[in-house]
C-alpha cells in the first residue's frame, strides 16, 4: 500500500503513542518495518514530525565560566585541601597512596 507523507506522519505519531513495538505496530498496520523506518527517517530529515526536543544554537565564541574551587578531603578529623590547579598525576598518586 502506498501511503502519502501525511499518512506516514500520522502512523509514526500513532506508533509513538501506542504501547506496541515498531514490529508489532507494523504487523497491525500491514506494513514492513523497513518502510516504517525509512519513512520515519525521511520525515525526521525534513522536520515534519513534531518533536518534544528543540534544536539550539550554541555560541562557540563564549569562554566557559569555570569557577575553580579547591577540593577538600575529610577523613575523621583530618582535612586535606587540594588547590584546583594541582597536577593530575600527582593527585592520582596521592589518592593511590591514601587508598
Protein backbone atom coordinates (compact mmCIF):
# COMPACT_ATOMS: atom_id res chain seq x y z
CA UNK A 1 0.00 0.00 0.00
CA UNK A 2 1.41 3.38 -0.99
CA UNK A 3 0.96 5.98 1.72
CA UNK A 4 1.27 9.73 1.48
CA UNK A 5 3.74 11.67 3.55
CA UNK A 6 0.88 12.85 5.76
CA UNK A 7 -0.30 9.26 6.32
CA UNK A 8 3.23 8.22 7.31
CA UNK A 9 3.47 11.18 9.66
CA UNK A 10 0.23 10.12 11.35
CA UNK A 11 1.27 6.45 11.52
CA UNK A 12 4.58 7.34 13.12
CA UNK A 13 2.83 9.51 15.70
CA UNK A 14 0.31 6.71 16.38
CA UNK A 15 3.08 4.20 16.95
CA UNK A 16 4.88 6.55 19.35
CA UNK A 17 1.67 6.92 21.40
CA UNK A 18 0.90 3.20 21.35
CA UNK A 19 2.30 0.61 23.71
CA UNK A 20 3.31 -1.53 20.73
CA UNK A 21 6.81 -2.12 19.48
CA UNK A 22 7.51 -0.93 15.96
CA UNK A 23 7.42 -4.54 14.76
CA UNK A 24 4.04 -5.20 16.41
CA UNK A 25 2.65 -1.92 15.14
CA UNK A 26 3.79 -2.63 11.57
CA UNK A 27 2.18 -6.07 11.63
CA UNK A 28 -1.06 -4.49 12.85
CA UNK A 29 -0.88 -1.81 10.12
CA UNK A 30 0.14 -4.32 7.44
CA UNK A 31 3.36 -2.53 6.55
CA UNK A 32 7.00 -3.53 6.70
CA UNK A 33 9.32 -2.37 9.43
CA UNK A 34 11.83 -1.28 6.80
CA UNK A 35 9.22 1.01 5.19
CA UNK A 36 8.35 2.38 8.63
CA UNK A 37 12.00 3.14 9.50
CA UNK A 38 12.69 4.58 6.03
CA UNK A 39 9.73 6.95 6.18
CA UNK A 40 10.42 7.93 9.77
CA UNK A 41 13.99 8.77 8.77
CA UNK A 42 12.84 10.80 5.77
CA UNK A 43 10.28 12.70 7.82
CA UNK A 44 12.80 13.39 10.57
CA UNK A 45 15.22 14.80 7.99
CA UNK A 46 12.51 17.11 6.73
CA UNK A 47 11.48 18.02 10.30
CA UNK A 48 7.88 17.12 9.54
CA UNK A 49 7.39 15.14 12.73
CA UNK A 50 6.70 17.13 15.87
CA UNK A 51 9.42 16.54 18.40
CA UNK A 52 9.46 17.30 22.11
CA UNK A 53 13.07 18.43 21.61
CA UNK A 54 14.16 21.81 20.37
CA UNK A 55 17.22 22.48 18.33
CA UNK A 56 19.53 25.05 19.89
CA UNK A 57 22.42 27.09 18.60
CA UNK A 58 25.48 27.36 20.80
CA UNK A 59 27.60 30.48 20.76
CA UNK A 60 31.07 28.97 20.30
CA UNK A 61 32.74 32.35 20.79
CA UNK A 62 31.97 32.42 24.52
CA UNK A 63 34.51 31.22 27.04
CA UNK A 64 33.06 28.78 29.57
CA UNK A 65 32.65 30.19 33.05
CA UNK A 66 34.77 27.94 35.23
CA UNK A 67 34.82 28.55 38.92
CA UNK A 68 37.89 26.89 40.26
CA UNK A 69 37.25 25.64 43.75
CA UNK A 70 39.67 23.74 45.93
CA UNK A 71 38.89 20.09 46.69
CA UNK A 72 38.71 19.22 50.38
CA UNK A 73 39.02 15.62 51.52
CA UNK A 74 37.94 14.87 55.07
CA UNK A 75 38.79 11.66 56.87
CA UNK A 76 37.87 11.61 60.53
CA UNK A 77 39.27 14.83 61.99
CA UNK A 78 41.83 15.32 59.20
CA UNK A 79 41.19 17.69 56.28
CA UNK A 80 43.26 17.81 53.11
CA UNK A 81 42.59 20.79 50.83
CA UNK A 82 43.83 20.42 47.26
CA UNK A 83 44.13 23.51 45.05
CA UNK A 84 42.29 23.47 41.70
CA UNK A 85 45.50 23.83 39.65
CA UNK A 86 47.14 20.68 41.08
CA UNK A 87 48.93 18.31 38.73
CA UNK A 88 46.52 15.44 37.99
CA UNK A 89 49.28 12.79 38.01
CA UNK A 90 50.43 13.94 41.43
CA UNK A 91 46.85 13.83 42.70
CA UNK A 92 46.28 10.34 41.28
CA UNK A 93 49.44 9.09 43.01
CA UNK A 94 48.35 10.69 46.29
CA UNK A 95 44.92 9.05 46.11
CA UNK A 96 46.51 5.67 45.38
CA UNK A 97 48.69 6.07 48.47
CA UNK A 98 45.71 7.02 50.61
CA UNK A 99 43.57 4.11 49.41
